[in-house]
Amino acid sequence: MDPRIRLALEILDRELDHPLLVNMISSRLGLSGSRFEHLFKLETGKGFKARVKEARLEKAKELLLDPTRRVKEVASAVGFNFPPNFTREFTRRFGQPPSKHRIPSA
């Protein structure tokens, strides 16, 4: 894998709670935004924005298993500043709202 894309993935994993914009990441890697997006998709098979959303939702799914964390806290911890957007995206991805993910199925 291209070392710049590997670094982008490391940044993504470390900074999920921060804004992760193409132009910000691409400038950190010394690439234009369009070159970064092309290279990222070529190397990972997904667009950068899609990968960011996927990573945030997967991390949220993990964090929701801690019953002491409120859904709003989890949303913020993975970079969703508006909880209704988080709930909508989580439900779209996993087929149930975040609050239901906590409840073990019988």
Protein backbone atom coordinates (compact mmCIF):
# COMPACT_ATOMS: atom_id res chain seq x y z
CA MET A 1 0.00 0.00 0.00
CA ASP A 2 1.15 3.51 -0.76
CA PRO A 3 2.74 4.92 2.42
CA ARG A 4 0.74 8.15 2.11
CA ILE A 5 -2.53 6.23 2.15
CA ARG A 6 -1.32 4.11 5.06
CA LEU A 7 -0.60 7.36 6.92
CA ALA A 8 -4.04 8.71 6.00
CA LEU A 9 -5.63 5.58 7.50
CA GLU A 10 -3.57 6.00 10.66
CA ILE A 11 -4.68 9.63 10.92
CA LEU A 12 -8.26 8.55 10.40
CA ASP A 13 -8.06 5.99 13.21
CA ARG A 14 -6.40 8.43 15.64
CA GLU A 15 -8.56 11.45 14.89
CA LEU A 16 -12.10 10.12 14.46
CA ASP A 17 -13.44 12.78 16.81
CA HIS A 18 -11.93 15.60 14.71
CA PRO A 19 -13.11 16.94 11.36
CA LEU A 20 -11.54 14.79 8.67
CA LEU A 21 -11.76 16.75 5.46
CA VAL A 22 -10.12 15.71 2.22
CA ASN A 23 -8.27 19.00 1.81
CA MET A 24 -6.91 18.89 5.37
CA ILE A 25 -5.62 15.32 5.08
CA SER A 26 -4.32 15.73 1.54
CA SER A 27 -2.32 18.84 2.48
CA ARG A 28 -0.77 16.94 5.42
CA LEU A 29 0.33 14.30 2.93
CA GLY A 30 1.61 16.74 0.32
CA LEU A 31 -1.04 15.81 -2.25
CA SER A 32 -3.76 17.75 -4.01
CA GLY A 33 -7.28 16.90 -2.90
CA SER A 34 -8.19 15.24 -6.18
CA ARG A 35 -4.96 13.21 -6.30
CA PHE A 36 -5.48 12.08 -2.72
CA GLU A 37 -9.08 11.03 -3.38
CA HIS A 38 -8.06 9.12 -6.51
CA LEU A 39 -5.16 7.38 -4.78
CA PHE A 40 -7.21 6.61 -1.67
CA LYS A 41 -9.97 4.95 -3.70
CA LEU A 42 -7.43 3.07 -5.79
CA GLU A 43 -5.67 1.71 -2.69
CA THR A 44 -8.69 1.03 -0.44
CA GLY A 45 -11.55 0.47 -2.85
CA LYS A 46 -13.61 3.19 -1.14
CA GLY A 47 -13.83 6.94 -1.24
CA PHE A 48 -12.32 8.82 1.70
CA LYS A 49 -15.62 10.23 2.96
CA ALA A 50 -17.26 6.80 2.86
CA ARG A 51 -14.32 5.30 4.75
CA VAL A 52 -14.49 8.03 7.41
CA LYS A 53 -18.19 7.42 7.96
CA GLU A 54 -17.68 3.65 8.08
CA ALA A 55 -14.84 3.96 10.62
CA ARG A 56 -16.86 6.32 12.81
CA LEU A 57 -19.88 4.05 12.85
CA GLU A 58 -17.83 0.92 13.58
CA LYS A 59 -16.09 2.66 16.48
CA ALA A 60 -19.45 3.90 17.76
CA LYS A 61 -20.83 0.36 17.67
CA GLU A 62 -17.92 -0.71 19.87
CA LEU A 63 -18.29 2.23 22.28
CA LEU A 64 -22.02 1.66 22.69
CA LEU A 65 -21.31 -1.66 24.40
CA ASP A 66 -20.25 0.36 27.45
CA PRO A 67 -23.57 0.94 29.27
CA THR A 68 -22.16 3.91 31.17
CA ARG A 69 -21.77 5.96 27.97
CA ARG A 70 -24.74 7.94 26.71
CA VAL A 71 -25.55 7.82 23.01
CA LYS A 72 -24.83 11.55 22.76
CA GLU A 73 -21.34 10.99 24.25
CA VAL A 74 -20.61 8.19 21.81
CA ALA A 75 -21.75 10.33 18.89
CA SER A 76 -19.40 13.11 19.95
CA ALA A 77 -16.52 10.69 20.58
CA VAL A 78 -16.64 9.56 16.95
CA GLY A 79 -17.06 12.99 15.37
CA PHE A 80 -20.83 13.39 15.04
CA ASN A 81 -21.69 16.80 16.47
CA PHE A 82 -25.44 16.47 15.86
CA PRO A 83 -26.87 13.36 17.57
CA PRO A 84 -29.87 13.01 15.22
CA ASN A 85 -27.47 12.66 12.27
CA PHE A 86 -25.57 10.01 14.20
CA THR A 87 -28.77 8.09 14.98
CA ARG A 88 -29.89 8.24 11.35
CA GLU A 89 -26.54 7.05 9.99
CA PHE A 90 -26.16 4.34 12.64
CA THR A 91 -29.66 3.03 11.91
CA ARG A 92 -29.02 3.07 8.17
CA ARG A 93 -25.79 1.12 8.61
CA PHE A 94 -26.80 -1.42 11.25
CA GLY A 95 -30.60 -1.64 10.89
CA GLN A 96 -31.36 -0.44 14.41
CA PRO A 97 -30.90 2.77 16.38
CA PRO A 98 -27.92 3.11 18.72
CA SER A 99 -30.12 2.76 21.81
CA LYS A 100 -31.29 -0.69 20.64
CA HIS A 101 -27.72 -1.82 19.94
CA ARG A 102 -27.09 -1.80 23.69
CA ILE A 103 -29.86 -4.29 24.42
CA PRO A 104 -28.70 -7.91 24.03
CA SER A 105 -31.03 -9.89 21.82
CA ALA A 106 -32.71 -12.82 23.50
